[in-house]
């Protein structure tokens, strides 16, 4: 069975994710499944909106994301793979809404 690629923030007390924008991919008619599947090729970019909990203290934190992928060729698919992506961040309670430590990271918005 073909599984869609997904990225989800692991449940934790310091942050939550409300919005996940996934790449749409290219539509392909699968001859085995007799259904349309969405194919991601090359680099797939996901955009997540992360909200830091109001009672989360300043300092270092690690956000962990569950990532599910499945590689396929035009003939076969490998078993789905689950990975964990760890993202170290620094929470700054003195920051104001809209403050960004690295604004250049957010300058370019990938095509979705």
Foldseek 3Di string as FASTA:
>chain_A
DDDDKDKAWDDDQFKHWDDKDWDQADWDQQPVVRHIDHDDDDDTDMDIDMDTDLPDDWFKDKIKMWIWDWDDDSPGIDPIDIDIDIDIDTDDNPDDPPDDPCCVVVPDDDDD
